[in-house]
Amino acid sequence: MTCYPGYTDLAPLYALGSLTDSDRTAFQTHLRRNCHRCASLLEAYENVAALLYGLVRTSPTELTRRRMLRRVAVQS
């Protein structure tokens, strides 16, 4: 299967649970088409996300939310 760069860019965001519904669905469909490259990337990113979660005791989704709020505050 051909893996387009856009999908590899979605893997870390998927692992953190920070994709929009439409991007999450598109990435899941892509994975179901047996893209071994993205599956491998996703596994690695999920391992890192789990380690980070264990270190900070904050969910990956909450970390992403906090980061976004900080960006908005800096840009204001």
PDB file of N, CA and C in Angstrom:
ATOM      1  N   MET A   1       0.844  -1.182   0.000  1.00  0.00           N
ATOM      2  CA  MET A   1       0.000   0.000   0.000  1.00  0.00           C
ATOM      3  C   MET A   1       0.883   1.236   0.000  1.00  0.00           C
ATOM      4  N   THR A   2       0.463   2.234  -0.741  1.00  0.00           N
ATOM      5  CA  THR A   2       1.161   3.515  -0.752  1.00  0.00           C
ATOM      6  C   THR A   2       0.737   4.312   0.476  1.00  0.00           C
ATOM      7  N   CYS A   3       1.711   4.820   1.186  1.00  0.00           N
ATOM      8  CA  CYS A   3       1.418   5.626   2.365  1.00  0.00           C
ATOM      9  C   CYS A   3       1.727   7.075   2.034  1.00  0.00           C
ATOM     10  N   TYR A   4       0.725   7.896   2.054  1.00  0.00           N
ATOM     11  CA  TYR A   4       0.905   9.307   1.760  1.00  0.00           C
ATOM     12  C   TYR A   4       1.402  10.038   3.005  1.00  0.00           C
ATOM     13  N   PRO A   5       2.275  11.023   2.845  1.00  0.00           N
ATOM     14  CA  PRO A   5       2.867  11.714   3.999  1.00  0.00           C
ATOM     15  C   PRO A   5       1.851  12.250   4.999  1.00  0.00           C
ATOM     16  N   GLY A   6       0.722  12.668   4.558  1.00  0.00           N
ATOM     17  CA  GLY A   6      -0.284  13.204   5.478  1.00  0.00           C
ATOM     18  C   GLY A   6      -0.693  12.217   6.550  1.00  0.00           C
ATOM     19  N   TYR A   7      -0.724  10.944   6.212  1.00  0.00           N
ATOM     20  CA  TYR A   7      -1.109   9.940   7.198  1.00  0.00           C
ATOM     21  C   TYR A   7      -0.020   9.734   8.244  1.00  0.00           C
ATOM     22  N   THR A   8       1.231   9.754   7.825  1.00  0.00           N
ATOM     23  CA  THR A   8       2.297   9.588   8.811  1.00  0.00           C
ATOM     24  C   THR A   8       2.315  10.763   9.783  1.00  0.00           C
ATOM     25  N   ASP A   9       1.893  11.920   9.324  1.00  0.00           N
ATOM     26  CA  ASP A   9       1.812  13.093  10.203  1.00  0.00           C
ATOM     27  C   ASP A   9       0.691  12.960  11.230  1.00  0.00           C
ATOM     28  N   LEU A  10      -0.313  12.154  10.929  1.00  0.00           N
ATOM     29  CA  LEU A  10      -1.443  11.985  11.840  1.00  0.00           C
ATOM     30  C   LEU A  10      -1.157  10.987  12.960  1.00  0.00           C
ATOM     31  N   ALA A  11      -0.177  10.124  12.770  1.00  0.00           N
ATOM     32  CA  ALA A  11       0.091   9.060  13.746  1.00  0.00           C
ATOM     33  C   ALA A  11       0.347   9.587  15.164  1.00  0.00           C
ATOM     34  N   PRO A  12       1.226  10.573  15.359  1.00  0.00           N
ATOM     35  CA  PRO A  12       1.441  11.026  16.737  1.00  0.00           C
ATOM     36  C   PRO A  12       0.210  11.695  17.346  1.00  0.00           C
ATOM     37  N   LEU A  13      -0.532  12.403  16.531  1.00  0.00           N
ATOM     38  CA  LEU A  13      -1.743  13.056  17.030  1.00  0.00           C
ATOM     39  C   LEU A  13      -2.809  12.032  17.398  1.00  0.00           C
ATOM     40  N   TYR A  14      -2.888  10.963  16.613  1.00  0.00           N
ATOM     41  CA  TYR A  14      -3.829   9.882  16.912  1.00  0.00           C
ATOM     42  C   TYR A  14      -3.450   9.233  18.244  1.00  0.00           C
ATOM     43  N   ALA A  15      -2.168   8.992  18.439  1.00  0.00           N
ATOM     44  CA  ALA A  15      -1.700   8.358  19.678  1.00  0.00           C
ATOM     45  C   ALA A  15      -2.029   9.204  20.903  1.00  0.00           C
ATOM     46  N   LEU A  16      -2.044  10.501  20.737  1.00  0.00           N
ATOM     47  CA  LEU A  16      -2.361  11.408  21.844  1.00  0.00           C
ATOM     48  C   LEU A  16      -3.856  11.665  21.987  1.00  0.00           C
ATOM     49  N   GLY A  17      -4.635  11.158  21.050  1.00  0.00           N
ATOM     50  CA  GLY A  17      -6.084  11.363  21.111  1.00  0.00           C
ATOM     51  C   GLY A  17      -6.498  12.778  20.789  1.00  0.00           C
ATOM     52  N   SER A  18      -5.724  13.437  19.919  1.00  0.00           N
ATOM     53  CA  SER A  18      -6.009  14.846  19.653  1.00  0.00           C
ATOM     54  C   SER A  18      -6.412  15.136  18.207  1.00  0.00           C
ATOM     55  N   LEU A  19      -6.893  14.129  17.504  1.00  0.00           N
ATOM     56  CA  LEU A  19      -7.380  14.356  16.134  1.00  0.00           C
ATOM     57  C   LEU A  19      -8.854  14.747  16.144  1.00  0.00           C
ATOM     58  N   THR A  20      -9.242  15.466  15.127  1.00  0.00           N
ATOM     59  CA  THR A  20     -10.672  15.741  14.948  1.00  0.00           C
ATOM     60  C   THR A  20     -11.353  14.427  14.590  1.00  0.00           C
ATOM     61  N   ASP A  21     -12.662  14.389  14.710  1.00  0.00           N
ATOM     62  CA  ASP A  21     -13.407  13.174  14.377  1.00  0.00           C
ATOM     63  C   ASP A  21     -13.143  12.730  12.948  1.00  0.00           C
ATOM     64  N   SER A  22     -13.137  13.680  12.014  1.00  0.00           N
ATOM     65  CA  SER A  22     -12.957  13.313  10.609  1.00  0.00           C
ATOM     66  C   SER A  22     -11.540  12.808  10.341  1.00  0.00           C
ATOM     67  N   ASP A  23     -10.529  13.431  10.946  1.00  0.00           N
ATOM     68  CA  ASP A  23      -9.155  12.962  10.770  1.00  0.00           C
ATOM     69  C   ASP A  23      -8.950  11.598  11.422  1.00  0.00           C
ATOM     70  N   ARG A  24      -9.561  11.396  12.590  1.00  0.00           N
ATOM     71  CA  ARG A  24      -9.443  10.108  13.278  1.00  0.00           C
ATOM     72  C   ARG A  24     -10.055   9.003  12.433  1.00  0.00           C
ATOM     73  N   THR A  25     -11.222   9.259  11.868  1.00  0.00           N
ATOM     74  CA  THR A  25     -11.877   8.268  11.022  1.00  0.00           C
ATOM     75  C   THR A  25     -11.039   7.971   9.786  1.00  0.00           C
ATOM     76  N   ALA A  26     -10.485   9.004   9.169  1.00  0.00           N
ATOM     77  CA  ALA A  26      -9.642   8.812   7.982  1.00  0.00           C
ATOM     78  C   ALA A  26      -8.402   7.997   8.319  1.00  0.00           C
ATOM     79  N   PHE A  27      -7.786   8.278   9.463  1.00  0.00           N
ATOM     80  CA  PHE A  27      -6.586   7.549   9.855  1.00  0.00           C
ATOM     81  C   PHE A  27      -6.920   6.094  10.166  1.00  0.00           C
ATOM     82  N   GLN A  28      -8.026   5.850  10.839  1.00  0.00           N
ATOM     83  CA  GLN A  28      -8.439   4.486  11.153  1.00  0.00           C
ATOM     84  C   GLN A  28      -8.720   3.698   9.871  1.00  0.00           C
ATOM     85  N   THR A  29      -9.354   4.339   8.910  1.00  0.00           N
ATOM     86  CA  THR A  29      -9.617   3.687   7.616  1.00  0.00           C
ATOM     87  C   THR A  29      -8.304   3.351   6.930  1.00  0.00           C
ATOM     88  N   HIS A  30      -7.361   4.276   6.978  1.00  0.00           N
ATOM     89  CA  HIS A  30      -6.048   4.056   6.384  1.00  0.00           C
ATOM     90  C   HIS A  30      -5.351   2.857   7.042  1.00  0.00           C
ATOM     91  N   LEU A  31      -5.427   2.777   8.365  1.00  0.00           N
ATOM     92  CA  LEU A  31      -4.806   1.655   9.074  1.00  0.00           C
ATOM     93  C   LEU A  31      -5.462   0.329   8.703  1.00  0.00           C
ATOM     94  N   ARG A  32      -6.775   0.327   8.531  1.00  0.00           N
ATOM     95  CA  ARG A  32      -7.486  -0.903   8.158  1.00  0.00           C
ATOM     96  C   ARG A  32      -7.087  -1.398   6.770  1.00  0.00           C
ATOM     97  N   ARG A  33      -6.520  -0.512   5.974  1.00  0.00           N
ATOM     98  CA  ARG A  33      -6.053  -0.908   4.638  1.00  0.00           C
ATOM     99  C   ARG A  33      -4.635  -1.488   4.701  1.00  0.00           C
ATOM    100  N   ASN A  34      -4.198  -1.820   5.917  1.00  0.00           N
ATOM    101  CA  ASN A  34      -2.928  -2.509   6.162  1.00  0.00           C
ATOM    102  C   ASN A  34      -1.692  -1.707   5.792  1.00  0.00           C
ATOM    103  N   CYS A  35      -1.652  -0.466   6.213  1.00  0.00           N
ATOM    104  CA  CYS A  35      -0.434   0.318   6.032  1.00  0.00           C
ATOM    105  C   CYS A  35       0.504  -0.020   7.192  1.00  0.00           C
ATOM    106  N   HIS A  36       1.481  -0.853   6.901  1.00  0.00           N
ATOM    107  CA  HIS A  36       2.403  -1.308   7.939  1.00  0.00           C
ATOM    108  C   HIS A  36       3.271  -0.168   8.471  1.00  0.00           C
ATOM    109  N   ARG A  37       3.588   0.780   7.618  1.00  0.00           N
ATOM    110  CA  ARG A  37       4.405   1.920   8.051  1.00  0.00           C
ATOM    111  C   ARG A  37       3.682   2.731   9.121  1.00  0.00           C
ATOM    112  N   CYS A  38       2.435   3.079   8.861  1.00  0.00           N
ATOM    113  CA  CYS A  38       1.672   3.869   9.835  1.00  0.00           C
ATOM    114  C   CYS A  38       1.372   3.062  11.091  1.00  0.00           C
ATOM    115  N   ALA A  39       1.109   1.771  10.942  1.00  0.00           N
ATOM    116  CA  ALA A  39       0.855   0.925  12.106  1.00  0.00           C
ATOM    117  C   ALA A  39       2.083   0.874  13.008  1.00  0.00           C
ATOM    118  N   SER A  40       3.246   0.779  12.399  1.00  0.00           N
ATOM    119  CA  SER A  40       4.487   0.748  13.159  1.00  0.00           C
ATOM    120  C   SER A  40       4.746   2.083  13.857  1.00  0.00           C
ATOM    121  N   LEU A  41       4.542   3.177  13.119  1.00  0.00           N
ATOM    122  CA  LEU A  41       4.692   4.506  13.718  1.00  0.00           C
ATOM    123  C   LEU A  41       3.724   4.697  14.877  1.00  0.00           C
ATOM    124  N   LEU A  42       2.488   4.293  14.678  1.00  0.00           N
ATOM    125  CA  LEU A  42       1.480   4.456  15.711  1.00  0.00           C
ATOM    126  C   LEU A  42       1.857   3.679  16.963  1.00  0.00           C
ATOM    127  N   GLU A  43       2.344   2.470  16.799  1.00  0.00           N
ATOM    128  CA  GLU A  43       2.752   1.673  17.958  1.00  0.00           C
ATOM    129  C   GLU A  43       3.855   2.389  18.748  1.00  0.00           C
ATOM    130  N   ALA A  44       4.821   2.938  18.034  1.00  0.00           N
ATOM    131  CA  ALA A  44       5.907   3.660  18.703  1.00  0.00           C
ATOM    132  C   ALA A  44       5.384   4.893  19.429  1.00  0.00           C
ATOM    133  N   TYR A  45       4.518   5.660  18.770  1.00  0.00           N
ATOM    134  CA  TYR A  45       3.973   6.863  19.403  1.00  0.00           C
ATOM    135  C   TYR A  45       3.085   6.522  20.597  1.00  0.00           C
ATOM    136  N   GLU A  46       2.346   5.428  20.508  1.00  0.00           N
ATOM    137  CA  GLU A  46       1.512   5.022  21.640  1.00  0.00           C
ATOM    138  C   GLU A  46       2.375   4.618  22.828  1.00  0.00           C
ATOM    139  N   ASN A  47       3.516   3.979  22.554  1.00  0.00           N
ATOM    140  CA  ASN A  47       4.430   3.620  23.645  1.00  0.00           C
ATOM    141  C   ASN A  47       4.978   4.872  24.323  1.00  0.00           C
ATOM    142  N   VAL A  48       5.354   5.865  23.538  1.00  0.00           N
ATOM    143  CA  VAL A  48       5.870   7.113  24.091  1.00  0.00           C
ATOM    144  C   VAL A  48       4.770   7.827  24.881  1.00  0.00           C
ATOM    145  N   ALA A  49       3.564   7.871  24.329  1.00  0.00           N
ATOM    146  CA  ALA A  49       2.449   8.529  25.025  1.00  0.00           C
ATOM    147  C   ALA A  49       2.178   7.845  26.361  1.00  0.00           C
ATOM    148  N   ALA A  50       2.250   6.517  26.389  1.00  0.00           N
ATOM    149  CA  ALA A  50       2.018   5.785  27.638  1.00  0.00           C
ATOM    150  C   ALA A  50       3.107   6.107  28.663  1.00  0.00           C
ATOM    151  N   LEU A  51       4.350   6.200  28.207  1.00  0.00           N
ATOM    152  CA  LEU A  51       5.436   6.563  29.114  1.00  0.00           C
ATOM    153  C   LEU A  51       5.249   7.969  29.666  1.00  0.00           C
ATOM    154  N   LEU A  52       4.889   8.900  28.797  1.00  0.00           N
ATOM    155  CA  LEU A  52       4.657  10.271  29.246  1.00  0.00           C
ATOM    156  C   LEU A  52       3.507  10.339  30.238  1.00  0.00           C
ATOM    157  N   TYR A  53       2.461   9.604  29.944  1.00  0.00           N
ATOM    158  CA  TYR A  53       1.315   9.583  30.843  1.00  0.00           C
ATOM    159  C   TYR A  53       1.738   9.074  32.223  1.00  0.00           C
ATOM    160  N   GLY A  54       2.570   8.055  32.235  1.00  0.00           N
ATOM    161  CA  GLY A  54       3.042   7.511  33.498  1.00  0.00           C
ATOM    162  C   GLY A  54       3.916   8.483  34.266  1.00  0.00           C
ATOM    163  N   LEU A  55       4.643   9.310  33.551  1.00  0.00           N
ATOM    164  CA  LEU A  55       5.539  10.265  34.202  1.00  0.00           C
ATOM    165  C   LEU A  55       4.799  11.450  34.808  1.00  0.00           C
ATOM    166  N   VAL A  56       3.820  11.950  34.098  1.00  0.00           N
ATOM    167  CA  VAL A  56       3.163  13.180  34.546  1.00  0.00           C
ATOM    168  C   VAL A  56       1.794  12.956  35.173  1.00  0.00           C
ATOM    169  N   ARG A  57       1.300  11.748  35.082  1.00  0.00           N
ATOM    170  CA  ARG A  57      -0.012  11.412  35.656  1.00  0.00           C
ATOM    171  C   ARG A  57      -1.137  12.300  35.123  1.00  0.00           C
ATOM    172  N   THR A  58      -0.961  12.773  33.907  1.00  0.00           N
ATOM    173  CA  THR A  58      -1.981  13.572  33.234  1.00  0.00           C
ATOM    174  C   THR A  58      -2.262  12.902  31.899  1.00  0.00           C
ATOM    175  N   SER A  59      -3.514  12.824  31.519  1.00  0.00           N
ATOM    176  CA  SER A  59      -3.851  12.140  30.274  1.00  0.00           C
ATOM    177  C   SER A  59      -3.262  12.880  29.071  1.00  0.00           C
ATOM    178  N   PRO A  60      -2.912  12.127  28.009  1.00  0.00           N
ATOM    179  CA  PRO A  60      -2.397  12.771  26.800  1.00  0.00           C
ATOM    180  C   PRO A  60      -3.351  13.809  26.236  1.00  0.00           C
ATOM    181  N   THR A  61      -4.644  13.552  26.330  1.00  0.00           N
ATOM    182  CA  THR A  61      -5.623  14.510  25.826  1.00  0.00           C
ATOM    183  C   THR A  61      -5.563  15.802  26.625  1.00  0.00           C
ATOM    184  N   GLU A  62      -5.415  15.697  27.934  1.00  0.00           N
ATOM    185  CA  GLU A  62      -5.321  16.888  28.782  1.00  0.00           C
ATOM    186  C   GLU A  62      -4.034  17.657  28.499  1.00  0.00           C
ATOM    187  N   LEU A  63      -2.929  16.935  28.243  1.00  0.00           N
ATOM    188  CA  LEU A  63      -1.680  17.607  27.893  1.00  0.00           C
ATOM    189  C   LEU A  63      -1.831  18.400  26.606  1.00  0.00           C
ATOM    190  N   THR A  64      -2.469  17.808  25.614  1.00  0.00           N
ATOM    191  CA  THR A  64      -2.688  18.485  24.340  1.00  0.00           C
ATOM    192  C   THR A  64      -3.572  19.711  24.544  1.00  0.00           C
ATOM    193  N   ARG A  65      -4.602  19.576  25.344  1.00  0.00           N
ATOM    194  CA  ARG A  65      -5.500  20.693  25.620  1.00  0.00           C
ATOM    195  C   ARG A  65      -4.752  21.837  26.300  1.00  0.00           C
ATOM    196  N   ARG A  66      -3.929  21.507  27.269  1.00  0.00           N
ATOM    197  CA  ARG A  66      -3.158  22.537  27.974  1.00  0.00           C
ATOM    198  C   ARG A  66      -2.193  23.246  27.025  1.00  0.00           C
ATOM    199  N   ARG A  67      -1.555  22.484  26.162  1.00  0.00           N
ATOM    200  CA  ARG A  67      -0.615  23.064  25.203  1.00  0.00           C
ATOM    201  C   ARG A  67      -1.337  24.030  24.272  1.00  0.00           C
ATOM    202  N   MET A  68      -2.505  23.645  23.812  1.00  0.00           N
ATOM    203  CA  MET A  68      -3.280  24.510  22.916  1.00  0.00           C
ATOM    204  C   MET A  68      -3.705  25.789  23.637  1.00  0.00           C
ATOM    205  N   LEU A  69      -4.131  25.661  24.875  1.00  0.00           N
ATOM    206  CA  LEU A  69      -4.540  26.843  25.640  1.00  0.00           C
ATOM    207  C   LEU A  69      -3.358  27.786  25.852  1.00  0.00           C
ATOM    208  N   ARG A  70      -2.178  27.231  26.085  1.00  0.00           N
ATOM    209  CA  ARG A  70      -0.981  28.063  26.233  1.00  0.00           C
ATOM    210  C   ARG A  70      -0.684  28.815  24.940  1.00  0.00           C
ATOM    211  N   ARG A  71      -0.803  28.145  23.811  1.00  0.00           N
ATOM    212  CA  ARG A  71      -0.558  28.795  22.517  1.00  0.00           C
ATOM    213  C   ARG A  71      -1.516  29.951  22.286  1.00  0.00           C
ATOM    214  N   VAL A  72      -2.769  29.721  22.624  1.00  0.00           N
ATOM    215  CA  VAL A  72      -3.774  30.770  22.438  1.00  0.00           C
ATOM    216  C   VAL A  72      -3.445  31.959  23.345  1.00  0.00           C
ATOM    217  N   ALA A  73      -3.047  31.682  24.580  1.00  0.00           N
ATOM    218  CA  ALA A  73      -2.722  32.758  25.517  1.00  0.00           C
ATOM    219  C   ALA A  73      -1.523  33.556  25.044  1.00  0.00           C
ATOM    220  N   VAL A  74      -0.526  32.891  24.481  1.00  0.00           N
ATOM    221  CA  VAL A  74       0.675  33.580  23.992  1.00  0.00           C
ATOM    222  C   VAL A  74       0.338  34.428  22.782  1.00  0.00           C
ATOM    223  N   GLN A  75      -0.530  33.963  21.929  1.00  0.00           N
ATOM    224  CA  GLN A  75      -0.873  34.683  20.708  1.00  0.00           C
ATOM    225  C   GLN A  75      -1.816  35.856  20.965  1.00  0.00           C
ATOM    226  N   SER A  76      -2.459  35.869  22.111  1.00  0.00           N
ATOM    227  CA  SER A  76      -3.416  36.949  22.411  1.00  0.00           C
ATOM    228  C   SER A  76      -2.722  38.221  22.796  1.00  0.00           C
TER     229      SER A  76
END
